[in-house]
Protein backbone atom coordinates (compact mmCIF):
# COMPACT_ATOMS: atom_id res chain seq x y z
CA MET A 1 1.58 -16.47 -22.58
CA GLY A 2 4.71 -18.02 -22.46
CA CYS A 3 7.32 -17.72 -19.79
CA LYS A 4 10.06 -16.28 -21.73
CA ARG A 5 10.42 -12.42 -21.61
CA LYS A 6 10.84 -12.78 -25.36
CA MET A 7 6.93 -13.57 -25.46
CA LYS A 8 4.14 -11.75 -24.69
CA LYS A 9 4.89 -8.99 -21.97
CA TYR A 10 0.97 -8.99 -20.83
CA VAL A 11 -2.21 -10.31 -21.80
CA LEU A 12 -5.75 -8.49 -21.52
CA ASN A 13 -9.04 -9.80 -21.17
CA LYS A 14 -10.18 -9.49 -24.97
CA LYS A 15 -12.21 -6.37 -23.93
CA ILE A 16 -9.94 -4.82 -22.04
CA LYS A 17 -8.05 -1.76 -23.71
CA ILE A 18 -5.37 0.12 -21.54
CA LYS A 19 -3.55 3.10 -22.00
CA LYS A 20 -0.41 5.04 -20.86
CA LEU A 21 -0.92 8.11 -18.10
CA VAL A 22 2.29 9.48 -18.92
CA ASP A 23 4.21 8.19 -22.45
CA SER A 24 7.83 10.25 -22.36
CA GLY A 25 11.48 9.12 -21.26
CA GLY A 26 12.01 8.05 -17.44
CA HIS A 27 10.80 5.94 -14.91
CA TYR A 28 6.91 6.82 -13.60
CA PHE A 29 5.14 5.57 -10.34
CA PHE A 30 2.68 7.05 -8.39
CA GLY A 31 2.99 5.23 -5.02
CA TYR A 32 0.46 3.16 -2.86
CA PHE A 33 -3.40 2.08 -3.07
CA GLY A 34 -5.78 3.61 -1.87
CA LYS A 35 -5.37 7.28 -2.95
CA SER A 36 -6.03 8.80 -6.50
CA PRO A 37 -3.08 10.19 -9.06
CA TRP A 38 -6.55 11.99 -10.78
CA SER A 39 -7.56 15.18 -8.97
CA LYS A 40 -11.46 15.11 -8.67
CA GLY A 41 -12.72 17.08 -11.52
CA GLY A 42 -10.25 14.92 -13.67
CA ARG A 43 -8.14 17.70 -15.41
CA TYR A 44 -5.44 16.77 -13.49
CA ALA A 45 -3.32 14.20 -12.38
CA VAL A 46 0.32 13.95 -10.15
CA CYS A 47 2.69 10.78 -10.54
CA LEU A 48 6.58 10.50 -9.39
CA GLU A 49 9.16 10.76 -11.72
CA VAL A 50 12.62 9.03 -10.91
CA GLY A 51 15.84 8.14 -13.09
CA PHE A 52 16.91 4.26 -11.65
CA ILE A 53 15.15 1.22 -10.73
CA ASP A 54 18.16 -0.55 -9.53
CA ARG A 55 18.49 0.20 -5.51
CA HIS A 56 16.79 2.23 -2.71
CA PRO A 57 16.87 6.00 -2.90
CA ARG A 58 19.88 7.45 -0.84
CA GLU A 59 19.75 10.37 1.18
CA ASN A 60 19.99 13.06 -0.93
CA ASP A 61 18.02 11.48 -4.14
CA SER A 62 14.72 13.43 -5.20
CA ALA A 63 12.08 12.74 -7.36
CA ASN A 64 10.11 15.12 -9.73
CA ILE A 65 6.67 15.19 -8.44
CA MET A 66 5.07 15.85 -12.01
CA LEU A 67 1.76 17.43 -13.08
CA ILE A 68 0.06 16.42 -15.92
CA ASP A 69 -3.14 18.73 -17.38
CA PHE A 70 -5.51 16.60 -19.74
CA LYS A 71 -7.07 19.89 -20.83
CA ASN A 72 -3.85 21.72 -21.68
CA LYS A 73 -2.05 18.28 -22.87
CA SER A 74 1.17 19.17 -21.18
CA LYS A 75 2.96 17.65 -18.28
CA LYS A 76 5.53 19.89 -15.86
CA LYS A 77 7.31 19.31 -12.94
CA ILE A 78 5.95 21.38 -10.33
CA ALA A 79 8.18 20.39 -7.30
CA GLU A 80 10.60 17.12 -5.97
CA THR A 81 10.59 15.04 -3.03
CA ARG A 82 13.26 13.75 -0.93
CA ALA A 83 10.93 11.65 1.13
CA TRP A 84 9.97 8.57 -1.04
CA ASN A 85 9.94 5.15 -1.64
CA TRP A 86 9.14 2.42 -4.10
CA GLN A 87 5.84 1.03 -2.46
CA GLN A 88 4.29 4.03 -1.24
CA GLY A 89 6.01 6.71 -3.07
CA CYS A 90 5.96 10.01 -0.79
CA MET A 91 2.40 9.16 0.33
CA MET A 92 1.29 12.61 -2.33
CA GLN A 93 -3.01 12.76 -2.37
CA TRP A 94 -5.06 15.37 -3.42
CA MET A 95 -6.37 17.48 -0.50
CA PRO A 96 -10.07 16.56 0.20
CA THR A 97 -10.46 20.78 1.05
CA GLY A 98 -9.14 21.28 -2.85
CA PHE A 99 -9.61 18.39 -4.78
CA ASP A 100 -9.06 19.95 -7.82
CA LYS A 101 -5.62 22.01 -7.46
CA GLU A 102 -4.04 21.03 -3.74
CA ILE A 103 -2.04 18.16 -3.27
CA ILE A 104 0.16 17.01 0.23
CA PHE A 105 2.94 14.58 -0.49
CA ASN A 106 6.39 13.96 2.19
CA ASP A 107 9.76 16.10 1.74
CA ARG A 108 12.84 16.16 3.88
CA LYS A 109 13.86 19.75 5.02
CA ASP A 110 16.97 20.18 7.61
CA GLY A 111 17.17 16.52 8.18
CA LYS A 112 13.25 15.95 9.14
CA PHE A 113 10.58 14.56 7.29
CA VAL A 114 7.80 17.13 7.02
CA SER A 115 4.65 17.23 4.57
CA ARG A 116 3.82 20.10 1.96
CA ILE A 117 0.75 21.00 0.75
CA LEU A 118 0.97 22.69 -2.78
CA ASP A 119 -1.56 24.25 -5.20
CA VAL A 120 -0.45 23.09 -8.29
CA GLU A 121 -1.70 25.85 -10.03
CA THR A 122 -0.17 28.40 -8.40
CA LEU A 123 2.53 26.60 -6.47
CA LYS A 124 2.10 28.21 -3.55
CA GLU A 125 2.44 26.22 -0.70
CA LYS A 126 2.43 25.65 2.91
CA VAL A 127 4.83 23.47 5.12
CA VAL A 128 3.46 21.11 8.03
CA PRO A 129 6.52 20.14 10.29
CA TYR A 130 5.44 16.58 10.28
CA PRO A 131 4.88 13.85 7.56
CA ILE A 132 1.59 12.16 6.89
CA TYR A 133 -0.07 8.87 5.84
CA ASP A 134 -3.60 9.54 5.58
CA VAL A 135 -5.87 12.84 5.48
CA HIS A 136 -8.96 12.81 6.83
CA PRO A 137 -12.17 13.45 5.24
CA SER A 138 -12.71 16.87 6.16
CA GLY A 139 -8.79 17.70 5.35
CA GLU A 140 -8.05 19.27 8.66
CA TYR A 141 -6.22 16.23 10.28
CA ALA A 142 -4.00 13.77 9.14
CA LEU A 143 -2.53 10.50 10.78
CA SER A 144 1.15 10.20 11.16
CA VAL A 145 3.61 7.34 12.13
CA SER A 146 7.33 6.81 12.74
CA PHE A 147 9.03 6.76 9.34
CA GLU A 148 12.82 5.95 10.96
CA LYS A 149 11.15 3.12 12.17
CA LEU A 150 9.81 2.01 9.03
CA ASN A 151 12.89 2.33 7.20
CA SER A 152 14.42 0.17 9.77
CA VAL A 153 11.88 -2.60 9.83
CA ARG A 154 10.82 -2.58 6.61
CA THR A 155 13.18 -1.54 3.86
CA GLY A 156 11.07 -0.05 0.47
CA TYR A 157 8.25 1.12 3.13
CA GLY A 158 10.41 4.36 5.12
CA TYR A 159 12.78 7.10 3.98
CA ALA A 160 16.04 7.02 3.83
CA GLY A 161 17.64 10.58 5.27
CA GLY A 162 15.94 10.88 8.97
CA LEU A 163 17.24 10.88 12.23
CA ILE A 164 19.91 8.36 12.73
CA GLU A 165 18.20 6.32 16.14
CA ASP A 166 19.28 2.55 16.70
CA PHE A 167 15.54 0.35 17.15
CA THR A 168 16.79 -2.33 18.27
CA GLY A 169 14.63 -3.94 20.96
CA LYS A 170 13.61 -0.44 21.67
CA ILE A 171 9.70 0.99 21.86
CA SER A 172 10.16 5.03 22.61
CA LYS A 173 7.58 6.00 25.05
CA ASP A 174 6.67 8.57 22.47
CA GLU A 175 6.23 6.77 19.54
CA GLY A 176 2.31 5.99 17.64
CA VAL A 177 0.03 6.97 15.76
CA TYR A 178 -0.17 10.74 15.52
CA LEU A 179 -3.07 13.17 14.82
CA ILE A 180 -1.85 15.98 13.07
CA ASN A 181 -4.05 19.57 12.48
CA LEU A 182 -3.13 20.33 9.41
CA LYS A 183 -4.25 23.98 10.00
CA ASN A 184 -2.30 24.82 12.90
CA ASN A 185 0.46 22.32 12.70
CA LYS A 186 0.03 21.07 15.99
CA ARG A 187 0.25 17.40 16.86
CA LYS A 188 -0.72 14.65 19.34
CA LEU A 189 0.36 11.43 20.39
CA ILE A 190 -3.29 9.25 20.18
CA VAL A 191 -2.29 5.42 20.20
CA LYS A 192 1.00 4.53 22.38
CA LEU A 193 2.97 1.84 20.75
CA SER A 194 3.64 0.79 24.19
CA ASP A 195 0.08 0.70 25.28
CA LEU A 196 -0.17 -1.98 22.41
CA TYR A 197 3.24 -3.83 23.63
CA ASN A 198 1.19 -4.60 26.85
CA TYR A 199 -1.82 -5.44 25.50
CA LYS A 200 -2.56 -9.26 25.82
CA ASN A 201 0.75 -9.51 25.86
CA LEU A 202 3.07 -12.79 24.10
CA LYS A 203 6.27 -13.94 24.32
CA SER A 204 6.81 -13.26 20.93
CA MET A 205 7.07 -9.68 21.42
CA ASP A 206 9.93 -9.78 23.25
CA LYS A 207 11.79 -10.98 20.08
CA GLY A 208 12.21 -8.21 17.79
CA ARG A 209 11.60 -4.35 16.78
CA HIS A 210 7.90 -3.07 17.45
CA TRP A 211 6.25 -0.38 14.75
CA ILE A 212 2.64 0.76 13.50
CA ASP A 213 1.71 0.52 9.62
CA GLN A 214 -1.11 1.60 7.32
CA PRO A 215 -3.39 3.74 9.67
CA VAL A 216 -6.39 4.65 7.74
CA PHE A 217 -9.36 6.72 8.43
CA ASN A 218 -12.90 5.40 7.69
CA PRO A 219 -15.28 7.28 5.56
CA SER A 220 -17.13 9.28 8.17
CA GLY A 221 -13.46 10.08 10.01
CA ASP A 222 -14.95 9.27 13.44
CA ARG A 223 -12.33 6.07 13.41
CA PHE A 224 -9.54 4.45 11.71
CA CYS A 225 -7.96 1.36 11.75
CA PHE A 226 -4.33 0.56 11.40
CA LEU A 227 -1.51 -2.77 12.17
CA HIS A 228 0.71 -3.44 15.38
CA ARG A 229 3.21 -5.17 14.11
CA TRP A 230 6.52 -6.56 15.65
CA GLU A 231 9.69 -8.93 14.44
CA ILE A 232 9.41 -13.19 15.56
CA ASP A 233 11.33 -16.17 14.49
CA GLY A 234 12.04 -17.02 10.95
CA GLY A 235 12.18 -13.23 9.64
CA LEU A 236 8.52 -13.09 9.96
CA PHE A 237 6.40 -10.67 11.79
CA HIS A 238 3.60 -10.73 14.05
CA SER A 239 0.52 -8.12 13.09
CA ARG A 240 -2.42 -7.63 15.04
CA PHE A 241 -5.51 -5.09 13.51
CA PHE A 242 -6.88 -2.81 15.55
CA SER A 243 -9.56 0.21 15.00
CA VAL A 244 -9.94 3.04 17.41
CA GLY A 245 -11.68 6.60 17.39
CA ILE A 246 -10.34 9.51 16.25
CA ASP A 247 -10.01 10.77 19.86
CA GLY A 248 -7.55 7.38 20.61
CA LYS A 249 -10.83 6.21 22.73
CA ASP A 250 -12.93 2.85 22.15
CA LEU A 251 -9.91 0.60 20.72
CA PHE A 252 -10.50 -2.38 19.18
CA MET A 253 -8.27 -5.72 18.37
CA PHE A 254 -9.98 -7.68 15.80
CA PRO A 255 -9.01 -11.71 15.80
CA ASP A 256 -5.82 -12.18 17.07
CA SER A 257 -4.47 -14.83 13.91
CA GLY A 258 -1.07 -12.96 13.44
CA PHE A 259 -1.89 -12.68 9.75
CA TYR A 260 -3.06 -9.20 8.52
CA SER A 261 -2.25 -7.83 5.23
CA HIS A 262 -3.65 -5.15 3.17
CA PHE A 263 -7.45 -3.60 3.50
CA CYS A 264 -9.53 -0.90 2.79
CA TRP A 265 -12.61 0.59 4.11
CA LYS A 266 -15.96 -0.70 2.56
CA SER A 267 -17.98 1.80 4.82
CA SER A 268 -17.83 3.53 8.10
CA GLU A 269 -18.54 0.40 9.59
CA GLU A 270 -16.78 -2.80 7.25
CA ILE A 271 -13.66 -3.13 6.44
CA LEU A 272 -12.36 -5.53 3.58
CA MET A 273 -9.24 -7.47 4.55
CA PHE A 274 -7.09 -10.14 3.14
CA CYS A 275 -6.03 -12.10 6.27
CA SER A 276 -6.43 -14.83 9.03
CA VAL A 277 -9.05 -14.63 11.23
CA SER A 278 -8.26 -17.79 13.04
CA GLU A 279 -6.61 -17.48 16.43
CA LYS A 280 -5.27 -20.88 16.49
CA PHE A 281 -3.26 -19.82 13.24
CA GLY A 282 -2.04 -16.98 15.75
CA ASN A 283 -0.97 -19.41 18.26
CA ILE A 284 1.94 -20.64 15.77
CA ARG A 285 3.12 -16.76 15.82
CA SER A 286 2.92 -16.75 19.88
CA GLY A 287 6.28 -17.31 20.21
CA ASN A 288 6.75 -20.13 22.64
CA ASN A 289 9.06 -23.36 22.21
CA PHE A 290 6.38 -25.11 20.20
CA SER A 291 6.00 -21.93 17.77
CA LYS A 292 9.36 -21.70 17.79
CA PHE A 293 9.77 -25.26 16.27
CA LEU A 294 7.33 -24.51 13.82
CA ILE A 295 8.25 -21.59 12.39
CA ASN A 296 12.12 -22.66 12.43
CA TRP A 297 11.86 -26.57 11.62
CA VAL A 298 8.84 -27.58 10.10
CA ARG A 299 7.52 -24.27 8.02
CA PRO A 300 11.00 -23.99 6.02
CA VAL A 301 10.41 -27.93 4.94
CA TYR A 302 6.61 -27.19 4.26
CA ARG A 303 7.45 -24.39 1.97
CA SER A 304 10.48 -26.48 0.11
CA VAL A 305 7.53 -29.46 -0.65
CA VAL A 306 4.18 -27.88 -1.02
CA PRO A 307 3.98 -25.79 -3.73
CA ARG A 308 2.70 -22.26 -3.56
CA SER A 309 -0.12 -22.15 -5.80
CA ILE A 310 -1.17 -25.60 -3.35
CA ARG A 311 -0.05 -23.96 -0.14
CA LYS A 312 -2.37 -20.57 -0.88
CA ARG A 313 -5.16 -23.02 -0.81
CA VAL A 314 -5.02 -24.67 2.24
CA LEU A 315 -4.39 -22.09 4.62
CA PRO A 316 -7.01 -20.34 6.27
CA VAL A 317 -6.23 -16.93 4.75
CA GLY A 318 -8.15 -14.84 2.21
CA TYR A 319 -10.65 -11.55 1.79
CA PHE A 320 -12.55 -11.14 4.87
CA LEU A 321 -15.19 -8.43 5.55
CA LEU A 322 -14.69 -7.38 8.78
CA LYS A 323 -17.21 -5.27 10.86
CA ASP A 324 -16.11 -2.67 12.84
CA LEU A 325 -16.49 -3.21 17.10
CA SER A 326 -17.59 -6.42 16.00
CA LYS A 327 -16.95 -10.03 15.89
CA GLU A 328 -19.34 -10.41 12.69
CA MET A 329 -16.94 -11.63 9.32
CA ARG A 330 -17.40 -12.78 6.38
CA LYS A 331 -15.57 -14.77 3.68
CA ILE A 332 -15.51 -13.22 0.38
CA ASP A 333 -14.39 -15.54 -2.91
CA VAL A 334 -12.20 -12.66 -4.40
CA TYR A 335 -9.31 -14.57 -5.24
CA ASN A 336 -6.90 -16.57 -3.26
CA ASP A 337 -4.03 -14.94 -3.01
CA ASP A 338 -3.35 -11.33 -1.33
CA GLY A 339 -3.80 -8.30 -2.77
CA HIS A 340 -4.17 -4.28 -2.88
CA MET A 341 -7.68 -3.59 -2.88
CA SER A 342 -10.59 -0.65 -3.20
CA PHE A 343 -13.56 0.15 -4.31
CA SER A 344 -15.36 2.08 -6.41
CA LYS A 345 -17.13 5.22 -5.27
CA ASP A 346 -20.45 3.78 -5.52
CA GLY A 347 -19.27 0.40 -3.66
CA ARG A 348 -20.37 -1.94 -6.65
CA TYR A 349 -16.90 -3.12 -8.35
CA LEU A 350 -13.89 -3.71 -6.72
CA ILE A 351 -10.20 -3.59 -8.02
CA THR A 352 -7.08 -5.31 -6.57
CA ASP A 353 -4.10 -7.36 -7.81
CA THR A 354 -1.92 -10.62 -6.71
CA TYR A 355 1.56 -10.89 -6.68
CA PRO A 356 3.88 -12.28 -8.99
CA ASN A 357 3.36 -15.94 -9.76
CA SER A 358 5.91 -18.89 -10.98
CA ARG A 359 5.81 -16.96 -14.73
CA HIS A 360 6.30 -13.55 -13.18
CA TYR A 361 3.21 -12.42 -14.03
CA ARG A 362 0.61 -10.19 -12.31
CA LYS A 363 -3.21 -10.59 -12.34
CA LEU A 364 -5.34 -7.28 -12.58
CA ILE A 365 -8.72 -8.22 -11.06
CA LEU A 366 -12.45 -6.40 -11.05
CA TYR A 367 -14.31 -8.05 -8.50
CA ASP A 368 -18.45 -7.21 -9.20
CA TRP A 369 -19.78 -7.04 -5.56
CA LYS A 370 -23.49 -7.30 -6.56
CA ARG A 371 -23.03 -10.60 -8.79
CA GLY A 372 -20.06 -12.14 -6.91
CA LYS A 373 -18.55 -12.07 -10.14
CA ARG A 374 -14.59 -12.32 -10.58
CA THR A 375 -12.96 -11.33 -13.82
CA VAL A 376 -9.32 -11.35 -14.43
CA LEU A 377 -8.47 -7.98 -16.65
CA GLY A 378 -5.37 -8.73 -17.61
CA GLU A 379 -1.46 -9.86 -16.44
CA PHE A 380 1.19 -8.39 -16.70
CA TYR A 381 4.80 -9.51 -16.58
CA SER A 382 7.21 -8.54 -13.36
CA LEU A 383 10.45 -8.14 -14.24
CA PRO A 384 12.50 -4.84 -15.67
CA ASP A 385 14.61 -5.19 -18.94
CA LYS A 386 17.99 -5.83 -17.87
CA LYS A 387 19.51 -2.67 -19.41
CA TYR A 388 17.87 -1.21 -16.02
CA LEU A 389 19.79 -3.51 -13.83
CA GLU A 390 23.61 -3.08 -14.46
CA ASP A 391 25.79 -5.91 -12.96
CA THR A 392 22.65 -7.81 -12.01
CA LYS A 393 23.11 -12.00 -11.06
CA ILE A 394 20.25 -14.34 -13.07
CA SER A 395 19.71 -15.90 -9.68
CA GLU A 396 18.87 -11.99 -8.56
CA TYR A 397 17.01 -10.79 -11.64
CA ARG A 398 14.61 -13.51 -10.87
CA LYS A 399 13.88 -12.65 -7.29
CA TRP A 400 13.41 -9.03 -8.44
CA GLY A 401 9.71 -9.40 -8.68
CA SER A 402 9.38 -10.00 -5.46
CA SER A 403 11.75 -7.98 -3.65
CA PRO A 404 11.27 -4.33 -2.25
CA LEU A 405 12.35 -3.01 -5.38
CA ARG A 406 9.68 -4.40 -7.30
CA VAL A 407 6.41 -3.00 -8.69
CA ASP A 408 3.03 -3.91 -7.53
CA LEU A 409 0.32 -2.76 -9.66
CA HIS A 410 -1.24 -0.88 -6.62
CA PRO A 411 -4.95 -0.29 -8.55
CA ARG A 412 -6.65 2.75 -7.44
CA TRP A 413 -9.90 4.14 -8.62
CA ASP A 414 -10.35 8.33 -9.88
CA PHE A 415 -13.00 9.92 -8.00
CA LYS A 416 -15.62 9.54 -10.29
CA GLY A 417 -15.34 5.61 -10.08
CA LYS A 418 -15.00 5.49 -14.03
CA LYS A 419 -11.35 4.74 -14.39
CA VAL A 420 -8.93 2.41 -12.67
CA CYS A 421 -4.81 3.22 -13.00
CA PHE A 422 -2.23 0.85 -12.01
CA ASP A 423 1.80 0.95 -12.10
CA SER A 424 3.60 -1.66 -13.45
CA ILE A 425 6.82 -3.14 -15.08
CA HIS A 426 5.63 -5.25 -18.45
CA GLU A 427 7.16 -2.87 -21.13
CA GLY A 428 10.38 -3.32 -19.62
CA LYS A 429 10.29 0.16 -17.01
CA ARG A 430 8.44 1.66 -14.87
CA GLY A 431 5.12 3.12 -16.14
CA ILE A 432 1.78 4.31 -14.96
CA TYR A 433 -1.47 3.02 -16.97
CA PHE A 434 -5.12 3.18 -16.91
CA LEU A 435 -8.51 1.58 -18.26
CA GLU A 436 -11.87 2.99 -18.34
CA MET A 437 -15.04 1.90 -17.14
CA ARG A 438 -18.06 2.36 -19.51
CA GLU A 439 -21.69 2.32 -19.88
CA HIS A 440 -23.15 -0.78 -21.47
CA GLY A 441 -26.77 -1.74 -21.63
CA GLY A 442 -27.82 0.44 -18.56
CA SER A 443 -24.87 -1.37 -16.08
CA LYS A 444 -21.39 -0.57 -15.80
CA ARG A 445 -18.81 -2.64 -17.39
CA ILE A 446 -15.56 -2.94 -18.03
CA VAL A 447 -14.37 -2.90 -21.54
């Protein structure tokens, strides 16, 4: 594998074969990890189709929702959405009550964000007057946050075209995590952002804007976890990690290290998280004069002198298995880089990825939880063909793979735990690829 674009665009483990989920014109992607494009029975898959990749979606930019029918070997447009972004798509997911034919996704209607439950066969739909983030295992409820705020604080994670509001230094009294009843379209504010602001308040909390990120139910649906974040010095943000009951009670905060990133539930009591669990590490982000000195003066010098590969090894961060409502935690040697992780149905295998290295390649990683063995399945080039990025300077092009426009692999399992799909741009444009698990010698292995 070389550094130049004209050399190999991807390098695979010799046992691996990948296929395209969609093989036709246009740019295709699914969105975030933790959801599956495949229906439960495997007959269908859904994805997004767009015509550009060189800018963020604007208010009137729509993405086509495509249905792939493996039985009839067909592909067709079944809907479109005007509430989407490059990192999380439109939060499209299969409904637990109709895993083989009903999907839910976010859209915009009359200037407001909504969600739509759509039967992919009859195209009969129901409109829910609120956008959703995650659906309850029963299919009866969903969690929602402010996508307007997300669009303001994290370009690439919110939606354009929502109600215009000035979020500068402001926490609205009705902002937080909402529980939406998908049957009667009612919602209830169960976690208030203002309460989180007042919980063990830090000086840094007065620096910038606050928001809530990634609320996700546990498998049993009685609790969910989420991130409370706010802007601090140096263009960074401080992250706290919480879990709470579905009724908004029994709020629990994990160690305040200031750094929590991606996670997934391993069971209803365990969460795998890429983070730091050192509260001393969190003191660097506390907002006092010493922390400001470290962030604004020491950190830039440190990052310019010490290579990223070394920084990743010396910082107290990694994959940790956290036990909910407990101080129990255990570091898992999956990899030393942040990734988007999820478990196979039986919990045996973990699939995750990495961000681009200095040669612009991302890794796709399989971790055998039972054997404690890591396998790099492949490495994929993270920069697109320049023809899709008109008038882009060379310096900007090289940073594209780390920009909010980037294509993270975001690997995802099918419902049977036999296939893994991921987004990638290694062939020059956005595409969706997959590989399969097969039985060998009485044990499942990727081949």
